[in-house]
C-alpha cells in the first residue's frame, strides 16, 4: 500500500492528531522501492507489515436486525488473519434473526476455514461474567446488558482481550461494499505501523459517501459529520487559541485502536460513542485537565485519520435518525469538562437550527460507561472462558 506521510500534526497536550492521510494506491507490489519515510511525502506499507498487524487484530461487527446479504458481505471483506467478533442485538422471538446470523457466519467460516466468535448482546452468561469481574456499568435494570452500539463494542473489546488480541477494529454491518471493508482493515494496519506510541487510534474518512437520488451522486461529506467535526475543532481551538480544522472523523464508525488505548477509554452510549472517544482523549491527555494516566501522558496518544479509495454506501435511515445522531454527538461535546460557555452556546444554536432541540432545551446528559480497564480482567476471562466454546463458530 502507498499512503501519504502525515503532512501536519496538531499537538494538543500529549495528543498527536494527524491531518488526513490519503491512500495513494491499495497495493504497492513486491519490487517497488521508495526513499526513506517522508522523503517523497509517500510511505510504502509492505504486505508483510500489514499481515503482521492483521494477525494481531480482532474486528468487531455490531449488528442489529441487518439484512443478511449485507452482513455476509461485511464478514467476507474482513482479512482472513483477523479474528471476526460479531456482537448481535438482533431479535430472537418470532423470527430468530440471531440464529440466522450465526448460520450465515458458520457457513462462511466453514467454506474459508477461518475462525470467528458470535455472541448475543443480551446473553445472561455475558452479564454474569460482567458482574463477576466487577463491571456492571453495561447492565440495565433487568440485569442484562443494555441495548446500544456502545455496549456491543465493549463486549467485543472484552472478547478480543480474552482471545489475546493486541488491536481491535470496528466495522458497521450496513456496508454494501465488501471491498471497502477489506480496505478499512488494511488502513488500520497501515496506521498502526506508523504509530510512535503503543496508545494509538486509526479513524477512517470515507473518500465519498454516494447517495442515490435520480442518479448516483458521490457526496463528500455527510451532514452530521460536517457539523460534529466543526464543533470538535472549536473545542480544541477554544483551548489553544488557534483555529484548527484537524478533526475530520468525529463520527467515524469505522475505527480501530491498540488494546492498550481501548481499555483505558470510557464509552458513551448510543450515537455518542465515536465523538466521545475523541472528547475523552482530549480531556485526559490534552494537558488542560488533570489525569491519572501519567505513564500514558509520557508516551502520548497517536491518532491517524485515513481517507479511503473506496466509497462508502450504506442504508439511508432518514432525517429522524440524523437528528438523533446530531443530538448525541454534540451533546457529548456540550457536556465535556473542556467545553466553555461560548462553545456551549454555539452548540445550542446549531441544534436549534437543525431542529434537534427547541428554543430553551439543552442536550440531555450522555450515559458513559466506565473504561474496560476497570474490569478485573482475570475474573472476566475465567468467567467467559467457561462459555467461550459456545461463542466460537468453528473450534
Protein backbone atom coordinates (compact mmCIF):
# COMPACT_ATOMS: atom_id res chain seq x y z
CA UNK A 1 0.00 0.00 0.00
CA UNK A 2 1.13 3.56 -0.72
CA UNK A 3 -0.16 6.15 1.74
CA UNK A 4 0.61 9.82 2.25
CA UNK A 5 3.01 10.69 5.04
CA UNK A 6 1.43 12.73 7.84
CA UNK A 7 1.84 16.24 6.39
CA UNK A 8 0.90 18.06 9.58
CA UNK A 9 0.30 17.00 13.17
CA UNK A 10 -1.81 19.00 15.61
CA UNK A 11 -0.40 18.64 19.12
CA UNK A 12 -2.83 19.08 21.98
CA UNK A 13 -1.05 18.22 25.21
CA UNK A 14 0.15 14.63 24.75
CA UNK A 15 -2.25 14.01 21.87
CA UNK A 16 -0.71 13.88 18.39
CA UNK A 17 -3.59 14.18 15.92
CA UNK A 18 -2.50 13.79 12.32
CA UNK A 19 -4.25 15.54 9.46
CA UNK A 20 -5.95 13.31 6.91
CA UNK A 21 -3.66 10.94 5.02
CA UNK A 22 -4.92 9.73 1.63
CA UNK A 23 -4.40 6.23 0.36
CA UNK A 24 -2.48 6.69 -2.89
CA UNK A 25 -2.61 3.08 -4.03
CA UNK A 26 -4.16 -0.01 -2.46
CA UNK A 27 -1.24 -2.25 -3.39
CA UNK A 28 2.46 -1.37 -3.52
CA UNK A 29 3.79 -4.58 -5.07
CA UNK A 30 6.87 -6.52 -4.07
CA UNK A 31 9.54 -4.88 -6.24
CA UNK A 32 8.71 -1.19 -5.89
CA UNK A 33 11.02 0.82 -3.67
CA UNK A 34 10.81 4.28 -2.14
CA UNK A 35 13.33 6.59 -0.46
CA UNK A 36 13.21 6.73 3.36
CA UNK A 37 9.89 7.59 5.02
CA UNK A 38 8.61 11.01 4.13
CA UNK A 39 11.27 11.84 1.52
CA UNK A 40 8.59 12.00 -1.19
CA UNK A 41 5.61 12.61 1.05
CA UNK A 42 4.52 8.99 0.48
CA UNK A 43 5.08 5.92 2.64
CA UNK A 44 5.12 2.34 1.37
CA UNK A 45 3.50 -0.12 3.77
CA UNK A 46 4.56 -3.56 2.63
CA UNK A 47 2.34 -6.63 2.69
CA UNK A 48 4.34 -8.31 5.43
CA UNK A 49 3.76 -5.34 7.75
CA UNK A 50 0.02 -5.28 7.03
CA UNK A 51 -0.27 -9.02 7.70
CA UNK A 52 1.67 -8.64 10.96
CA UNK A 53 -0.97 -6.29 12.36
CA UNK A 54 -3.94 -8.17 10.88
CA UNK A 55 -2.83 -11.33 12.67
CA UNK A 56 -2.93 -9.47 15.99
CA UNK A 57 -6.24 -7.73 15.35
CA UNK A 58 -9.87 -8.53 16.13
CA UNK A 59 -12.59 -6.93 14.01
CA UNK A 60 -15.84 -6.33 15.92
CA UNK A 61 -19.05 -6.12 13.90
CA UNK A 62 -22.04 -4.86 15.94
CA UNK A 63 -25.27 -5.93 14.22
CA UNK A 64 -28.98 -5.49 14.87
CA UNK A 65 -31.58 -6.97 12.50
CA UNK A 66 -29.43 -6.14 9.48
CA UNK A 67 -30.09 -7.63 6.04
CA UNK A 68 -28.31 -10.98 5.92
CA UNK A 69 -26.80 -10.31 2.49
CA UNK A 70 -25.21 -7.11 3.81
CA UNK A 71 -23.97 -8.90 6.92
CA UNK A 72 -22.44 -11.73 4.86
CA UNK A 73 -20.74 -9.22 2.58
CA UNK A 74 -19.18 -7.33 5.50
CA UNK A 75 -17.81 -10.54 7.06
CA UNK A 76 -16.43 -11.67 3.69
CA UNK A 77 -14.48 -8.41 3.41
CA UNK A 78 -12.57 -8.86 6.70
CA UNK A 79 -9.00 -10.09 6.02
CA UNK A 80 -8.55 -13.79 6.71
CA UNK A 81 -5.99 -13.47 9.52
CA UNK A 82 -8.17 -11.16 11.66
CA UNK A 83 -10.43 -12.66 14.30
CA UNK A 84 -14.05 -11.75 13.47
CA UNK A 85 -16.21 -10.98 16.52
CA UNK A 86 -19.92 -10.46 15.83
CA UNK A 87 -21.94 -8.93 18.67
CA UNK A 88 -25.61 -9.12 17.79
CA UNK A 89 -28.63 -7.48 19.34
CA UNK A 90 -31.00 -8.93 16.75
CA UNK A 91 -34.43 -10.27 17.64
CA UNK A 92 -34.82 -13.84 18.91
CA UNK A 93 -38.62 -14.11 19.05
CA UNK A 94 -40.91 -14.95 16.11
CA UNK A 95 -38.10 -15.00 13.53
CA UNK A 96 -34.81 -15.78 15.30
CA UNK A 97 -32.55 -13.46 13.33
CA UNK A 98 -29.63 -14.09 15.68
CA UNK A 99 -29.69 -17.76 14.76
CA UNK A 100 -29.81 -16.83 11.06
CA UNK A 101 -26.73 -14.63 11.52
CA UNK A 102 -24.97 -17.49 13.30
CA UNK A 103 -25.83 -19.90 10.49
CA UNK A 104 -24.56 -17.49 7.84
CA UNK A 105 -21.34 -16.88 9.76
CA UNK A 106 -20.85 -20.62 10.31
CA UNK A 107 -21.19 -21.31 6.59
CA UNK A 108 -18.73 -18.57 5.63
CA UNK A 109 -16.19 -19.83 8.16
CA UNK A 110 -16.51 -23.45 7.02
CA UNK A 111 -16.02 -22.53 3.37
CA UNK A 112 -12.91 -20.45 4.15
CA UNK A 113 -11.68 -22.35 7.23
CA UNK A 114 -11.36 -19.26 9.40
CA UNK A 115 -12.20 -18.52 13.00
CA UNK A 116 -14.92 -16.22 14.35
CA UNK A 117 -16.87 -15.53 17.53
CA UNK A 118 -20.54 -14.59 17.73
CA UNK A 119 -22.42 -13.58 20.87
CA UNK A 120 -25.79 -12.07 21.61
CA UNK A 121 -25.67 -8.79 23.47
CA UNK A 122 -28.41 -9.93 25.88
CA UNK A 123 -26.82 -13.29 26.71
CA UNK A 124 -27.17 -13.85 30.50
CA UNK A 125 -23.73 -15.53 30.57
CA UNK A 126 -22.09 -12.28 29.43
CA UNK A 127 -23.97 -10.29 32.07
CA UNK A 128 -22.87 -12.80 34.74
CA UNK A 129 -19.25 -12.52 33.62
CA UNK A 130 -19.50 -8.71 33.88
CA UNK A 131 -20.79 -8.96 37.45
CA UNK A 132 -18.08 -11.44 38.47
CA UNK A 133 -15.44 -9.11 37.04
CA UNK A 134 -16.79 -6.09 38.95
CA UNK A 135 -18.02 -4.29 35.83
CA UNK A 136 -21.76 -3.77 35.90
CA UNK A 137 -21.75 -0.44 34.04
CA UNK A 138 -23.24 -2.06 30.93
CA UNK A 139 -26.15 -3.69 32.76
CA UNK A 140 -29.71 -2.42 32.78
CA UNK A 141 -32.43 -2.83 35.40
CA UNK A 142 -33.19 -6.35 34.16
CA UNK A 143 -29.63 -7.46 34.94
CA UNK A 144 -28.71 -7.91 31.27
CA UNK A 145 -26.53 -5.74 29.03
CA UNK A 146 -28.42 -2.65 27.83
CA UNK A 147 -29.30 -2.09 24.19
CA UNK A 148 -26.88 0.11 22.28
CA UNK A 149 -23.96 0.02 19.86
CA UNK A 150 -21.52 1.22 22.51
CA UNK A 151 -22.38 -1.72 24.76
CA UNK A 152 -21.86 -4.12 21.83
CA UNK A 153 -18.46 -2.56 21.17
CA UNK A 154 -17.37 -3.06 24.79
CA UNK A 155 -18.50 -6.71 24.74
CA UNK A 156 -16.49 -7.20 21.55
CA UNK A 157 -13.49 -5.50 23.13
CA UNK A 158 -13.59 -7.79 26.16
CA UNK A 159 -13.96 -10.90 23.99
CA UNK A 160 -10.96 -9.72 21.93
CA UNK A 161 -8.98 -9.29 25.13
CA UNK A 162 -9.99 -12.80 26.23
CA UNK A 163 -8.75 -14.07 22.86
CA UNK A 164 -5.37 -12.37 23.40
CA UNK A 165 -5.60 -9.75 20.63
CA UNK A 166 -3.42 -6.61 20.71
CA UNK A 167 -5.52 -4.44 18.39
CA UNK A 168 -9.24 -4.02 17.88
CA UNK A 169 -11.13 -2.55 14.95
CA UNK A 170 -14.83 -1.77 14.47
CA UNK A 171 -16.81 -2.08 11.24
CA UNK A 172 -20.52 -1.27 10.81
CA UNK A 173 -22.71 -4.07 9.46
CA UNK A 174 -24.67 -1.99 6.92
CA UNK A 175 -21.91 -1.59 4.30
CA UNK A 176 -22.81 -2.55 0.73
CA UNK A 177 -19.20 -2.92 -0.47
CA UNK A 178 -17.14 -5.86 0.94
CA UNK A 179 -14.08 -4.38 -0.80
CA UNK A 180 -14.44 -1.24 1.32
CA UNK A 181 -14.32 -3.38 4.48
CA UNK A 182 -11.12 -5.02 3.27
CA UNK A 183 -9.58 -1.60 2.72
CA UNK A 184 -10.65 -0.29 6.15
CA UNK A 185 -8.78 -3.09 7.91
CA UNK A 186 -5.68 -2.66 5.75
CA UNK A 187 -5.80 1.06 6.57
CA UNK A 188 -5.99 0.22 10.28
CA UNK A 189 -2.84 -1.88 9.91
CA UNK A 190 -1.10 0.89 7.96
CA UNK A 191 -1.90 3.44 10.67
CA UNK A 192 -0.68 1.20 13.49
CA UNK A 193 2.59 0.64 11.62
CA UNK A 194 3.22 4.42 11.64
CA UNK A 195 2.48 4.92 15.36
CA UNK A 196 5.20 6.13 17.72
CA UNK A 197 3.22 5.17 20.82
CA UNK A 198 1.59 1.92 21.97
CA UNK A 199 -1.52 4.06 22.55
CA UNK A 200 -2.81 4.60 19.03
CA UNK A 201 -6.04 5.03 17.09
CA UNK A 202 -6.88 4.94 13.37
CA UNK A 203 -10.09 6.57 12.15
CA UNK A 204 -11.49 6.18 8.64
CA UNK A 205 -12.61 9.07 6.46
CA UNK A 206 -14.69 7.83 3.53
CA UNK A 207 -13.47 9.06 0.15
CA UNK A 208 -17.08 9.51 -0.96
CA UNK A 209 -20.46 8.67 0.51
CA UNK A 210 -22.66 8.05 -2.56
CA UNK A 211 -26.33 8.90 -2.48
CA UNK A 212 -28.90 7.60 -4.96
CA UNK A 213 -31.33 10.35 -5.93
CA UNK A 214 -32.42 10.03 -9.54
CA UNK A 215 -28.78 9.27 -10.39
CA UNK A 216 -25.73 8.33 -8.35
CA UNK A 217 -24.20 11.36 -6.62
CA UNK A 218 -20.82 10.99 -4.92
CA UNK A 219 -21.18 13.20 -1.87
CA UNK A 220 -18.02 14.13 0.03
CA UNK A 221 -19.43 14.90 3.47
CA UNK A 222 -22.39 13.69 5.49
CA UNK A 223 -24.36 16.48 7.18
CA UNK A 224 -23.89 15.15 10.72
CA UNK A 225 -20.17 14.50 10.21
CA UNK A 226 -19.54 18.02 8.97
CA UNK A 227 -21.29 19.60 11.97
CA UNK A 228 -19.69 17.28 14.54
CA UNK A 229 -16.21 17.94 13.12
CA UNK A 230 -16.76 21.70 13.28
CA UNK A 231 -17.63 21.67 16.98
CA UNK A 232 -14.86 19.23 17.92
CA UNK A 233 -12.41 21.59 16.22
CA UNK A 234 -13.97 24.52 18.10
CA UNK A 235 -13.38 22.62 21.35
CA UNK A 236 -9.65 22.36 20.59
CA UNK A 237 -9.41 25.94 19.28
CA UNK A 238 -11.05 27.36 22.40
CA UNK A 239 -8.18 25.95 24.48
CA UNK A 240 -5.21 26.54 22.16
CA UNK A 241 -6.25 29.97 20.87
CA UNK A 242 -5.53 28.87 17.30
CA UNK A 243 -8.27 27.90 14.88
CA UNK A 244 -7.94 24.38 13.54
CA UNK A 245 -9.64 22.03 11.10
CA UNK A 246 -7.69 18.93 12.11
CA UNK A 247 -10.68 16.78 13.16
CA UNK A 248 -12.32 15.23 10.09
CA UNK A 249 -13.57 11.93 11.57
CA UNK A 250 -15.76 12.88 14.53
CA UNK A 251 -18.45 10.28 13.72
CA UNK A 252 -16.16 7.57 12.31
CA UNK A 253 -17.97 4.29 12.96
CA UNK A 254 -15.07 2.55 11.21
CA UNK A 255 -12.09 2.99 13.50
CA UNK A 256 -9.52 0.92 15.36
CA UNK A 257 -7.38 1.15 18.48
CA UNK A 258 -4.48 -0.57 20.14
CA UNK A 259 -5.84 -2.62 23.03
CA UNK A 260 -3.76 -0.53 25.43
CA UNK A 261 -5.70 2.58 24.40
CA UNK A 262 -9.09 0.88 24.02
CA UNK A 263 -9.16 -0.41 27.59
CA UNK A 264 -8.49 2.97 29.23
CA UNK A 265 -11.21 4.94 27.41
CA UNK A 266 -14.80 5.37 28.64
CA UNK A 267 -17.56 4.64 26.09
CA UNK A 268 -20.70 6.75 25.68
CA UNK A 269 -24.00 5.05 24.95
CA UNK A 270 -25.87 5.46 21.70
CA UNK A 271 -24.67 7.55 18.78
CA UNK A 272 -22.28 9.50 21.02
CA UNK A 273 -19.72 6.70 21.22
CA UNK A 274 -17.36 7.77 18.41
CA UNK A 275 -17.14 11.53 19.20
CA UNK A 276 -16.93 10.73 22.92
CA UNK A 277 -13.74 8.74 22.30
CA UNK A 278 -12.07 11.91 20.99
CA UNK A 279 -13.56 14.09 23.73
CA UNK A 280 -12.27 11.68 26.40
CA UNK A 281 -8.79 11.67 24.86
CA UNK A 282 -8.75 15.49 24.76
CA UNK A 283 -9.94 15.66 28.37
CA UNK A 284 -7.49 13.13 29.80
CA UNK A 285 -4.40 13.80 27.70
CA UNK A 286 -4.83 17.35 26.36
CA UNK A 287 -2.83 18.83 29.25
CA UNK A 288 -5.69 21.10 30.34
CA UNK A 289 -7.31 18.84 32.95
CA UNK A 290 -5.53 16.59 35.48
CA UNK A 291 -5.06 12.91 34.56
CA UNK A 292 -4.42 9.73 36.50
CA UNK A 293 -2.71 8.13 33.48
CA UNK A 294 0.72 9.73 33.89
CA UNK A 295 2.56 6.94 32.04
CA UNK A 296 0.24 7.33 29.07
CA UNK A 297 0.85 11.10 29.05
CA UNK A 298 4.59 10.43 28.84
CA UNK A 299 4.23 8.20 25.76
CA UNK A 300 1.47 10.22 24.12
CA UNK A 301 -1.54 9.28 22.00
CA UNK A 302 -1.24 8.88 18.22
CA UNK A 303 -4.41 9.46 16.19
CA UNK A 304 -4.40 8.80 12.44
CA UNK A 305 -7.17 9.79 10.01
CA UNK A 306 -7.01 7.85 6.75
CA UNK A 307 -9.03 8.69 3.66
CA UNK A 308 -10.03 5.58 1.70
CA UNK A 309 -10.02 4.92 -2.02
CA UNK A 310 -13.32 3.01 -1.81
CA UNK A 311 -16.57 4.95 -1.40
CA UNK A 312 -18.91 4.01 1.44
CA UNK A 313 -22.50 3.11 0.61
CA UNK A 314 -24.85 2.23 3.44
CA UNK A 315 -28.54 2.33 4.32
CA UNK A 316 -30.18 5.77 4.44
CA UNK A 317 -32.21 5.91 7.66
CA UNK A 318 -33.99 9.24 7.32
CA UNK A 319 -33.91 12.70 8.91
CA UNK A 320 -35.11 11.49 12.31
CA UNK A 321 -32.09 9.22 12.57
CA UNK A 322 -29.76 12.08 11.57
CA UNK A 323 -31.24 14.40 14.21
CA UNK A 324 -30.79 11.74 16.91
CA UNK A 325 -27.17 11.27 15.83
CA UNK A 326 -26.54 15.00 15.85
CA UNK A 327 -28.09 15.49 19.30
CA UNK A 328 -25.95 12.72 20.79
CA UNK A 329 -22.75 13.76 19.04
CA UNK A 330 -23.00 17.43 20.01
CA UNK A 331 -24.34 16.50 23.45
CA UNK A 332 -21.09 14.77 24.33
CA UNK A 333 -19.14 17.92 23.38
CA UNK A 334 -21.62 20.16 25.24
CA UNK A 335 -21.23 18.17 28.47
CA UNK A 336 -17.44 17.93 28.23
CA UNK A 337 -15.41 19.45 31.05
CA UNK A 338 -13.43 21.29 28.38
CA UNK A 339 -16.47 22.99 26.85
CA UNK A 340 -16.70 26.69 27.78
CA UNK A 341 -19.78 28.89 27.70
CA UNK A 342 -19.14 30.30 24.23
CA UNK A 343 -18.74 26.80 22.75
CA UNK A 344 -21.90 25.64 24.53
CA UNK A 345 -23.94 28.50 23.10
CA UNK A 346 -22.68 27.70 19.61
CA UNK A 347 -23.77 24.06 20.06
CA UNK A 348 -27.23 25.07 21.31
CA UNK A 349 -27.70 27.43 18.37
CA UNK A 350 -26.67 24.64 15.97
CA UNK A 351 -29.07 22.11 17.49
CA UNK A 352 -31.98 24.54 17.37
CA UNK A 353 -31.14 25.48 13.78
CA UNK A 354 -31.06 21.80 12.77
CA UNK A 355 -34.39 21.12 14.51
CA UNK A 356 -32.87 18.71 17.05
CA UNK A 357 -33.80 20.96 20.01
CA UNK A 358 -36.40 23.58 20.79
CA UNK A 359 -35.55 27.08 22.00
CA UNK A 360 -34.99 26.62 25.74
CA UNK A 361 -33.91 22.96 25.72
CA UNK A 362 -30.40 21.67 26.35
CA UNK A 363 -28.88 18.34 25.26
CA UNK A 364 -29.70 15.52 27.70
CA UNK A 365 -26.77 14.10 29.69
CA UNK A 366 -24.90 11.29 27.95
CA UNK A 367 -24.60 7.97 29.76
CA UNK A 368 -20.93 6.99 29.81
CA UNK A 369 -19.67 3.50 30.63
CA UNK A 370 -16.51 3.27 32.70
CA UNK A 371 -13.26 2.25 30.94
CA UNK A 372 -12.97 -1.53 30.47
CA UNK A 373 -9.70 -1.36 32.42
CA UNK A 374 -11.99 -1.28 35.46
CA UNK A 375 -12.82 -4.91 34.65
CA UNK A 376 -10.88 -7.40 36.72
CA UNK A 377 -9.58 -8.97 33.53
CA UNK A 378 -8.57 -12.31 35.01
CA UNK A 379 -12.04 -12.82 36.52
CA UNK A 380 -13.84 -11.83 33.32
CA UNK A 381 -11.64 -14.10 31.21
CA UNK A 382 -12.11 -17.00 33.63
CA UNK A 383 -15.87 -16.45 33.67
CA UNK A 384 -16.29 -16.01 29.93
CA UNK A 385 -13.96 -18.90 29.04
CA UNK A 386 -16.34 -21.28 30.77
CA UNK A 387 -18.72 -20.44 27.91
CA UNK A 388 -16.18 -19.39 25.26
CA UNK A 389 -16.64 -22.60 23.26
CA UNK A 390 -20.27 -21.72 22.56
CA UNK A 391 -19.21 -18.38 21.03
CA UNK A 392 -16.72 -19.92 18.60
CA UNK A 393 -18.21 -20.65 15.19
CA UNK A 394 -15.53 -23.30 14.47
CA UNK A 395 -13.38 -24.86 17.14
